[in-house]
Structures are given as structure tokens and as C-alpha cells.
C-alpha atoms as a PDB file:
ATOM      1  CA  GLN A   1      16.069  55.996  65.477  1.00  0.00           C
ATOM      2  CA  GLU A   2      19.495  54.479  66.160  1.00  0.00           C
ATOM      3  CA  PRO A   3      22.550  56.081  67.789  1.00  0.00           C
ATOM      4  CA  PHE A   4      24.630  58.153  65.386  1.00  0.00           C
ATOM      5  CA  TRP A   5      28.302  59.028  65.134  1.00  0.00           C
ATOM      6  CA  LEU A   6      29.351  62.080  63.153  1.00  0.00           C
ATOM      7  CA  HIS A   7      33.068  62.593  62.598  1.00  0.00           C
ATOM      8  CA  LEU A   8      33.878  65.965  61.025  1.00  0.00           C
ATOM      9  CA  ASP A   9      36.898  67.933  59.891  1.00  0.00           C
ATOM     10  CA  ARG A  10      36.565  71.049  62.025  1.00  0.00           C
ATOM     11  CA  THR A  11      38.533  73.131  59.481  1.00  0.00           C
ATOM     12  CA  HIS A  12      35.860  72.579  56.831  1.00  0.00           C
ATOM     13  CA  PRO A  13      34.113  75.902  56.113  1.00  0.00           C
ATOM     14  CA  MET A  14      30.652  74.356  56.560  1.00  0.00           C
ATOM     15  CA  ALA A  15      31.353  72.345  59.726  1.00  0.00           C
ATOM     16  CA  ARG A  16      30.542  75.031  62.305  1.00  0.00           C
ATOM     17  CA  ASP A  17      27.309  76.178  60.678  1.00  0.00           C
ATOM     18  CA  TRP A  18      26.165  72.599  60.136  1.00  0.00           C
ATOM     19  CA  ILE A  19      26.615  71.693  63.793  1.00  0.00           C
ATOM     20  CA  ALA A  20      24.995  74.894  65.024  1.00  0.00           C
ATOM     21  CA  THR A  21      22.001  74.335  62.713  1.00  0.00           C
ATOM     22  CA  HIS A  22      21.378  70.600  63.023  1.00  0.00           C
ATOM     23  CA  LEU A  23      22.363  69.785  66.594  1.00  0.00           C
ATOM     24  CA  GLY A  24      20.824  72.735  68.411  1.00  0.00           C
ATOM     25  CA  LEU A  25      23.830  73.263  70.685  1.00  0.00           C
ATOM     26  CA  ASP A  26      24.284  76.435  72.701  1.00  0.00           C
ATOM     27  CA  ASP A  27      26.773  78.969  71.383  1.00  0.00           C
ATOM     28  CA  TRP A  28      29.295  78.243  74.139  1.00  0.00           C
ATOM     29  CA  MET A  29      29.201  74.540  73.285  1.00  0.00           C
ATOM     30  CA  VAL A  30      29.903  75.242  69.624  1.00  0.00           C
ATOM     31  CA  ASP A  31      32.701  77.643  70.610  1.00  0.00           C
ATOM     32  CA  SER A  32      34.253  74.911  72.766  1.00  0.00           C
ATOM     33  CA  LEU A  33      34.182  72.424  69.912  1.00  0.00           C
ATOM     34  CA  PHE A  34      35.887  74.841  67.525  1.00  0.00           C
ATOM     35  CA  ASP A  35      38.250  76.637  69.895  1.00  0.00           C
ATOM     36  CA  GLU A  36      41.749  76.724  68.390  1.00  0.00           C
ATOM     37  CA  GLU A  37      43.660  76.429  71.658  1.00  0.00           C
ATOM     38  CA  THR A  38      42.386  73.770  74.027  1.00  0.00           C
ATOM     39  CA  ARG A  39      43.609  71.329  76.611  1.00  0.00           C
ATOM     40  CA  PRO A  40      42.049  68.025  77.632  1.00  0.00           C
ATOM     41  CA  ARG A  41      38.946  68.703  79.722  1.00  0.00           C
ATOM     42  CA  CYS A  42      35.420  67.480  80.343  1.00  0.00           C
ATOM     43  CA  SER A  43      32.281  69.438  81.202  1.00  0.00           C
ATOM     44  CA  LYS A  44      28.543  68.883  81.282  1.00  0.00           C
ATOM     45  CA  ALA A  45      26.718  70.347  78.288  1.00  0.00           C
ATOM     46  CA  GLY A  46      22.925  70.124  78.296  1.00  0.00           C
ATOM     47  CA  ASP A  47      21.890  66.492  78.218  1.00  0.00           C
ATOM     48  CA  GLY A  48      25.383  65.497  77.113  1.00  0.00           C
ATOM     49  CA  VAL A  49      29.052  66.122  77.811  1.00  0.00           C
ATOM     50  CA  LEU A  50      31.875  67.973  76.089  1.00  0.00           C
ATOM     51  CA  LEU A  51      35.167  66.087  76.122  1.00  0.00           C
ATOM     52  CA  ASN A  52      38.532  67.150  74.703  1.00  0.00           C
ATOM     53  CA  LEU A  53      41.218  64.488  74.389  1.00  0.00           C
ATOM     54  CA  ARG A  54      44.715  64.315  72.943  1.00  0.00           C
ATOM     55  CA  GLY A  55      46.601  61.605  71.074  1.00  0.00           C
ATOM     56  CA  VAL A  56      50.042  61.230  69.521  1.00  0.00           C
ATOM     57  CA  ASN A  57      50.407  62.437  65.947  1.00  0.00           C
ATOM     58  CA  LEU A  58      51.094  59.289  63.908  1.00  0.00           C
ATOM     59  CA  ASN A  59      50.605  60.883  60.504  1.00  0.00           C
ATOM     60  CA  ASP A  60      53.418  60.495  57.967  1.00  0.00           C
ATOM     61  CA  GLY A  61      56.195  63.015  58.489  1.00  0.00           C
ATOM     62  CA  ALA A  62      54.657  64.386  61.692  1.00  0.00           C
ATOM     63  CA  ASP A  63      56.277  64.727  65.083  1.00  0.00           C
ATOM     64  CA  PRO A  64      54.481  62.327  67.470  1.00  0.00           C
ATOM     65  CA  THR A  65      54.800  64.830  70.306  1.00  0.00           C
ATOM     66  CA  ASP A  66      52.867  67.417  68.272  1.00  0.00           C
ATOM     67  CA  MET A  67      49.736  65.899  69.704  1.00  0.00           C
ATOM     68  CA  VAL A  68      46.463  65.934  67.804  1.00  0.00           C
ATOM     69  CA  ALA A  69      43.254  67.084  69.476  1.00  0.00           C
ATOM     70  CA  LEU A  70      39.918  65.286  69.399  1.00  0.00           C
ATOM     71  CA  ARG A  71      36.878  67.389  70.343  1.00  0.00           C
ATOM     72  CA  LEU A  72      33.846  65.356  71.314  1.00  0.00           C
ATOM     73  CA  TRP A  73      30.229  65.991  72.224  1.00  0.00           C
ATOM     74  CA  ALA A  74      28.128  63.036  73.340  1.00  0.00           C
ATOM     75  CA  CYS A  75      24.516  62.634  74.358  1.00  0.00           C
ATOM     76  CA  PRO A  76      22.141  59.663  74.687  1.00  0.00           C
ATOM     77  CA  LYS A  77      21.309  59.905  70.975  1.00  0.00           C
ATOM     78  CA  GLY A  78      24.801  59.911  69.577  1.00  0.00           C
ATOM     79  CA  VAL A  79      28.332  61.287  69.383  1.00  0.00           C
ATOM     80  CA  VAL A  80      29.951  64.087  67.390  1.00  0.00           C
ATOM     81  CA  THR A  81      33.741  64.136  67.047  1.00  0.00           C
ATOM     82  CA  LEU A  82      35.828  66.830  65.390  1.00  0.00           C
ATOM     83  CA  ARG A  83      39.447  66.780  64.381  1.00  0.00           C
ATOM     84  CA  ARG A  84      41.877  68.931  62.397  1.00  0.00           C
ATOM     85  CA  PHE A  85      44.444  66.278  61.514  1.00  0.00           C
ATOM     86  CA  PRO A  86      43.646  62.592  60.933  1.00  0.00           C
ATOM     87  CA  ILE A  87      43.708  60.585  64.165  1.00  0.00           C
ATOM     88  CA  ARG A  88      44.647  56.956  63.670  1.00  0.00           C
ATOM     89  CA  SER A  89      42.679  55.618  66.643  1.00  0.00           C
ATOM     90  CA  VAL A  90      39.490  57.283  65.380  1.00  0.00           C
ATOM     91  CA  SER A  91      40.109  56.108  61.822  1.00  0.00           C
ATOM     92  CA  ALA A  92      40.554  52.542  63.075  1.00  0.00           C
ATOM     93  CA  MET A  93      37.291  52.822  65.003  1.00  0.00           C
ATOM     94  CA  GLY A  94      35.566  54.126  61.876  1.00  0.00           C
ATOM     95  CA  ASP A  95      36.785  51.109  59.903  1.00  0.00           C
ATOM     96  CA  ARG A  96      35.349  48.811  62.557  1.00  0.00           C
ATOM     97  CA  VAL A  97      31.998  50.587  62.459  1.00  0.00           C
ATOM     98  CA  GLN A  98      31.801  50.376  58.672  1.00  0.00           C
ATOM     99  CA  ALA A  99      32.683  46.684  58.846  1.00  0.00           C
ATOM    100  CA  GLY A 100      29.828  46.118  61.294  1.00  0.00           C
ATOM    101  CA  HIS A 101      32.048  45.327  64.288  1.00  0.00           C
ATOM    102  CA  GLY A 102      32.094  48.694  66.018  1.00  0.00           C
ATOM    103  CA  PRO A 103      30.519  49.931  69.263  1.00  0.00           C
ATOM    104  CA  GLU A 104      26.737  49.912  69.300  1.00  0.00           C
ATOM    105  CA  SER A 105      26.176  52.737  71.792  1.00  0.00           C
ATOM    106  CA  PRO A 106      27.527  56.282  72.328  1.00  0.00           C
ATOM    107  CA  GLY A 107      29.038  55.281  75.665  1.00  0.00           C
ATOM    108  CA  ARG A 108      30.897  52.309  74.222  1.00  0.00           C
ATOM    109  CA  LEU A 109      32.227  54.469  71.389  1.00  0.00           C
ATOM    110  CA  ILE A 110      33.653  57.024  73.825  1.00  0.00           C
ATOM    111  CA  ALA A 111      35.171  54.289  75.990  1.00  0.00           C
ATOM    112  CA  SER A 112      36.684  52.497  72.995  1.00  0.00           C
ATOM    113  CA  ILE A 113      38.235  55.671  71.577  1.00  0.00           C
ATOM    114  CA  SER A 114      39.673  56.592  74.998  1.00  0.00           C
ATOM    115  CA  GLU A 115      41.336  53.184  75.289  1.00  0.00           C
ATOM    116  CA  LYS A 116      42.598  53.224  71.709  1.00  0.00           C
ATOM    117  CA  LEU A 117      44.219  56.644  72.159  1.00  0.00           C
ATOM    118  CA  MET A 118      46.242  55.247  75.050  1.00  0.00           C
ATOM    119  CA  ASP A 119      47.144  52.024  73.242  1.00  0.00           C
ATOM    120  CA  LEU A 120      48.661  53.965  70.345  1.00  0.00           C
ATOM    121  CA  MET A 121      50.545  56.263  72.713  1.00  0.00           C
ATOM    122  CA  ALA A 122      52.460  53.445  74.417  1.00  0.00           C
ATOM    123  CA  PRO A 123      54.975  52.737  71.567  1.00  0.00           C
ATOM    124  CA  THR A 124      56.040  56.394  71.403  1.00  0.00           C
ATOM    125  CA  ILE A 125      56.688  56.513  75.146  1.00  0.00           C
ATOM    126  CA  GLN A 126      58.594  53.213  74.970  1.00  0.00           C
ATOM    127  CA  ARG A 127      60.773  54.591  72.169  1.00  0.00           C
ATOM    128  CA  PHE A 128      61.736  57.628  74.264  1.00  0.00           C
ATOM    129  CA  ASP A 129      62.344  55.317  77.231  1.00  0.00           C
ATOM    130  CA  LEU A 130      64.801  53.203  75.216  1.00  0.00           C
ATOM    131  CA  VAL A 131      66.727  56.308  74.134  1.00  0.00           C
ATOM    132  CA  LEU A 132      67.092  57.463  77.748  1.00  0.00           C
ATOM    133  CA  ASP A 133      68.105  53.987  78.940  1.00  0.00           C
ATOM    134  CA  ASP A 134      70.731  53.737  76.188  1.00  0.00           C
ATOM    135  CA  ALA A 135      72.064  57.191  77.090  1.00  0.00           C
ATOM    136  CA  GLU A 136      72.371  56.292  80.774  1.00  0.00           C
ATOM    137  CA  LEU A 137      74.049  52.964  79.918  1.00  0.00           C
ATOM    138  CA  LEU A 138      76.501  54.771  77.644  1.00  0.00           C
ATOM    139  CA  LEU A 139      77.509  57.061  80.504  1.00  0.00           C
ATOM    140  CA  LEU A 140      78.077  54.095  82.805  1.00  0.00           C
ATOM    141  CA  GLN A 141      80.194  52.202  80.281  1.00  0.00           C
ATOM    142  CA  THR A 142      82.218  55.020  78.719  1.00  0.00           C
ATOM    143  CA  ASP A 143      83.753  58.398  79.496  1.00  0.00           C
ATOM    144  CA  ALA A 144      81.479  60.193  77.032  1.00  0.00           C
ATOM    145  CA  THR A 145      81.288  63.960  77.483  1.00  0.00           C
ATOM    146  CA  GLU A 146      78.753  64.726  74.736  1.00  0.00           C
ATOM    147  CA  PRO A 147      74.986  64.025  74.790  1.00  0.00           C
ATOM    148  CA  PRO A 148      74.118  60.846  72.846  1.00  0.00           C
ATOM    149  CA  ALA A 149      72.188  61.165  69.604  1.00  0.00           C
ATOM    150  CA  GLY A 150      68.460  61.462  70.101  1.00  0.00           C
ATOM    151  CA  LEU A 151      68.679  62.442  73.776  1.00  0.00           C
ATOM    152  CA  ALA A 152      67.477  66.013  73.205  1.00  0.00           C
ATOM    153  CA  ASP A 153      64.479  64.829  71.168  1.00  0.00           C
ATOM    154  CA  ALA A 154      63.580  62.231  73.796  1.00  0.00           C
ATOM    155  CA  ARG A 155      63.733  64.810  76.573  1.00  0.00           C
ATOM    156  CA  ARG A 156      61.638  67.295  74.610  1.00  0.00           C
ATOM    157  CA  GLY A 157      59.127  64.576  73.732  1.00  0.00           C
ATOM    158  CA  THR A 158      58.858  63.469  77.338  1.00  0.00           C
ATOM    159  CA  ILE A 159      58.061  66.998  78.489  1.00  0.00           C
ATOM    160  CA  ALA A 160      55.538  67.558  75.679  1.00  0.00           C
ATOM    161  CA  LEU A 161      53.645  64.316  76.338  1.00  0.00           C
ATOM    162  CA  ARG A 162      53.509  64.916  80.082  1.00  0.00           C
ATOM    163  CA  ARG A 163      52.139  68.422  79.486  1.00  0.00           C
ATOM    164  CA  TYR A 164      48.966  67.066  77.891  1.00  0.00           C
ATOM    165  CA  LEU A 165      48.586  63.705  79.591  1.00  0.00           C
ATOM    166  CA  LYS A 166      48.270  65.119  83.093  1.00  0.00           C
ATOM    167  CA  PRO A 167      45.116  67.165  82.302  1.00  0.00           C
ATOM    168  CA  GLN A 168      43.825  64.235  80.239  1.00  0.00           C
ATOM    169  CA  ALA A 169      43.714  62.118  83.385  1.00  0.00           C
ATOM    170  CA  ASP A 170      41.711  64.894  85.065  1.00  0.00           C
ATOM    171  CA  ALA A 171      39.303  65.055  82.105  1.00  0.00           C
ATOM    172  CA  LEU A 172      38.620  61.318  82.246  1.00  0.00           C
ATOM    173  CA  ALA A 173      38.201  61.526  86.024  1.00  0.00           C
ATOM    174  CA  GLU A 174      35.611  64.286  85.564  1.00  0.00           C
ATOM    175  CA  LEU A 175      33.781  62.140  82.997  1.00  0.00           C
ATOM    176  CA  LEU A 176      33.675  59.275  85.492  1.00  0.00           C
ATOM    177  CA  ALA A 177      32.412  61.636  88.184  1.00  0.00           C
ATOM    178  CA  LEU A 178      29.615  62.965  85.956  1.00  0.00           C
ATOM    179  CA  LYS A 179      28.447  59.418  85.124  1.00  0.00           C
ATOM    180  CA  PRO A 180      26.200  60.463  82.225  1.00  0.00           C
ATOM    181  CA  GLY A 181      23.262  58.150  81.675  1.00  0.00           C
ATOM    182  CA  PHE A 182      24.535  56.872  78.324  1.00  0.00           C
ATOM    183  CA  LEU A 183      27.569  55.263  80.009  1.00  0.00           C
ATOM    184  CA  ASP A 184      26.867  51.802  81.424  1.00  0.00           C
ATOM    185  CA  GLU A 185      29.027  49.930  83.922  1.00  0.00           C
ATOM    186  CA  THR A 186      31.208  48.408  81.202  1.00  0.00           C
ATOM    187  CA  ASP A 187      31.761  51.828  79.614  1.00  0.00           C
ATOM    188  CA  LEU A 188      32.745  53.322  82.967  1.00  0.00           C
ATOM    189  CA  ALA A 189      35.144  50.428  83.592  1.00  0.00           C
ATOM    190  CA  MET A 190      36.793  50.912  80.188  1.00  0.00           C
ATOM    191  CA  ILE A 191      37.155  54.655  80.756  1.00  0.00           C
ATOM    192  CA  GLY A 192      38.542  53.924  84.215  1.00  0.00           C
ATOM    193  CA  ASN A 193      41.142  51.626  82.645  1.00  0.00           C
ATOM    194  CA  ALA A 194      42.054  54.338  80.140  1.00  0.00           C
ATOM    195  CA  ARG A 195      42.495  56.805  82.996  1.00  0.00           C
ATOM    196  CA  GLN A 196      44.732  54.358  84.841  1.00  0.00           C
ATOM    197  CA  ASP A 197      46.843  54.039  81.695  1.00  0.00           C
ATOM    198  CA  VAL A 198      47.121  57.827  81.536  1.00  0.00           C
ATOM    199  CA  LEU A 199      48.197  58.021  85.190  1.00  0.00           C
ATOM    200  CA  ARG A 200      50.729  55.247  84.624  1.00  0.00           C
ATOM    201  CA  PHE A 201      52.125  57.075  81.597  1.00  0.00           C
ATOM    202  CA  VAL A 202      52.333  60.333  83.570  1.00  0.00           C
ATOM    203  CA  GLU A 203      54.268  58.640  86.377  1.00  0.00           C
ATOM    204  CA  HIS A 204      56.580  56.963  83.880  1.00  0.00           C
ATOM    205  CA  LEU A 205      57.155  60.217  82.005  1.00  0.00           C
ATOM    206  CA  GLU A 206      58.039  61.908  85.293  1.00  0.00           C
ATOM    207  CA  GLU A 207      60.634  59.186  85.946  1.00  0.00           C
ATOM    208  CA  MET A 208      61.956  59.623  82.404  1.00  0.00           C
ATOM    209  CA  ARG A 209      62.215  63.379  82.913  1.00  0.00           C
ATOM    210  CA  GLU A 210      64.276  62.846  86.064  1.00  0.00           C
ATOM    211  CA  GLN A 211      66.402  60.305  84.194  1.00  0.00           C
ATOM    212  CA  ALA A 212      67.074  62.850  81.439  1.00  0.00           C
ATOM    213  CA  ILE A 213      68.039  65.449  84.055  1.00  0.00           C
ATOM    214  CA  PHE A 214      70.505  62.965  85.597  1.00  0.00           C
ATOM    215  CA  VAL A 215      72.082  62.221  82.211  1.00  0.00           C
ATOM    216  CA  TYR A 216      72.492  65.899  81.363  1.00  0.00           C
ATOM    217  CA  ASP A 217      73.852  66.680  84.848  1.00  0.00           C
ATOM    218  CA  GLU A 218      76.384  63.863  84.524  1.00  0.00           C
ATOM    219  CA  ILE A 219      77.455  65.074  81.092  1.00  0.00           C
ATOM    220  CA  GLU A 220      77.802  68.630  82.386  1.00  0.00           C
ATOM    221  CA  LYS A 221      79.859  67.394  85.350  1.00  0.00           C
ATOM    222  CA  ARG A 222      82.186  65.505  83.042  1.00  0.00           C
ATOM    223  CA  GLN A 223      82.574  68.549  80.811  1.00  0.00           C
ATOM    224  CA  ASP A 224      83.414  70.674  83.862  1.00  0.00           C
ATOM    225  CA  ASP A 225      85.971  68.080  85.035  1.00  0.00           C
ATOM    226  CA  ARG A 226      87.530  68.022  81.587  1.00  0.00           C
ATOM    227  CA  MET A 227      87.718  71.802  81.509  1.00  0.00           C
ATOM    228  CA  ASN A 228      89.255  71.889  85.001  1.00  0.00           C
ATOM    229  CA  ARG A 229      91.953  69.419  83.915  1.00  0.00           C
ATOM    230  CA  LEU A 230      92.765  71.564  80.888  1.00  0.00           C
ATOM    231  CA  ILE A 231      92.959  74.687  83.036  1.00  0.00           C
ATOM    232  CA  TYR A 232      95.232  72.843  85.498  1.00  0.00           C
ATOM    233  CA  ARG A 233      97.598  71.851  82.695  1.00  0.00           C
ATOM    234  CA  LEU A 234      97.630  75.369  81.329  1.00  0.00           C
ATOM    235  CA  THR A 235      98.389  76.660  84.825  1.00  0.00           C
ATOM    236  CA  ILE A 236     101.413  74.331  85.084  1.00  0.00           C
ATOM    237  CA  ILE A 237     102.649  75.396  81.656  1.00  0.00           C
ATOM    238  CA  THR A 238     102.206  79.031  82.610  1.00  0.00           C
ATOM    239  CA  ALA A 239     104.075  78.488  85.886  1.00  0.00           C
ATOM    240  CA  VAL A 240     106.997  76.992  83.957  1.00  0.00           C
ATOM    241  CA  PHE A 241     107.276  79.515  81.163  1.00  0.00           C
ATOM    242  CA  LEU A 242     106.297  82.743  82.942  1.00  0.00           C
ATOM    243  CA  PRO A 243     109.659  83.050  84.815  1.00  0.00           C
ATOM    244  CA  LEU A 244     111.530  82.429  81.571  1.00  0.00           C
ATOM    245  CA  GLY A 245     109.565  85.197  79.910  1.00  0.00           C
ATOM    246  CA  PHE A 246     110.256  87.472  82.871  1.00  0.00           C
ATOM    247  CA  ILE A 247     113.989  86.782  82.727  1.00  0.00           C
ATOM    248  CA  THR A 248     114.000  87.307  78.972  1.00  0.00           C
END
């Protein structure tokens, strides 16, 4: 009689059959929940919505930019979430629910998870930002001609995060446009804040990408200048010794 939340490991051999049997979802809905390759998106599904979100991979030994996917189906009665790898934001929400302090409605659960995904993403973006700032400062203060340590990883991470965050903003915007009945005004406001965080991250990642391009261009220019100076010196040496070789 009360709202439910089911959080399943989608790689479990019984997960697909259980959902298809107990939830009465259409085949295309089940396929969407278990599709191997997916990007963040939102679509209406019966009396509920299908929502795919992404978060940074904070598991031990994992690359944060190898983002983990959260598949979600929500209706007025409850929420079903599926994951392959543990997602820290969802685990934290589960701890709150078990402690009796979690969301009391499907809409508040979705809104809370959306916000938590963005909160945990901020430190990773800040870490990449510091690496790029340090690299740019190093170029301004020294005559370095080699990329600083960590610059390649920061650039790759920036591109990877931006790849998934941009469609995530569109997915949250679509959810706000659908305005399903189980989302109240507070839920919509929280999801709107999460979307604003995503847009802010996307803009910042775009600036970081341009900053990385500037650093690499500057390093390449310095390497070209260094090579030109070496060629100039070799040309002078050749000009001096070539006549002697000719006379000899």
C-alpha cells in the first residue's frame, strides 16, 4: 500500500525475468532498462517514465570518467532502479531509507538521486580543473616544452564527462517537460536545480577543454621554436664546414 523502491543488479540472471513478470512492463520498456549501450535520456512509459542517468565511477580502482549508468523506471506507485556497478549516490540514498530518513515518495526519490549524482561529480571536475590551472601556470612561469604530468588524463576526463553530461541535461529537461503526476512542485524544483548544475558543469567543461587546447598549442609552439633554433644552428655549422669539405 506504500510506495516502493526496488534497486536491482541488472547483470543478475533473474533480474530481467523478475521485472517482466512482476511489473507488467511492455517489452520495449524492459529492453530499455537492460540495453547494454545507452545514453542519458527520458521518455514516457505507460503511467510512468523511463530515465537513464550517468554518474562518476567512484568505486575503488575505477576511473571516474568511466561513468556508471543508472536505469530508472518510475510510476505513482514506486521506483525501480537498475545498475551494473555500485553507484555511491544510490547506495547513500539506500542507507538513508533504511535508517528511516529517506524520501517518502517516488518523486522525491528521483529528485534526491538526481541532485546527489551531481554533488558527487563536482570533486572530480574540480580535480581536473586544478590540473589544467597548474599546467597553464607552469607555462606562464617557465619555459617548459613538455606537457605537465596529469595533463593528458585531465583532458581525456574533461572530454569524457562532457560527452555524457550534455545529454543528461536534455534528459532532465524532458522529465521537467513531462511533469508526471508523481512529481510535486518541490520535486520539480530539485530536478530543475540538478539540471542547472549539469548545465553549469557542461559550460565549465567546455572552458576546460579550450584551456587544454591552449596549453597543448603553446607547448607545440615552444617545441617548434626549439626545433627551429636547432635547425638554425645546424645550418650555421653546415655553412662553416661545407666549404672546408669542398676544398678538402
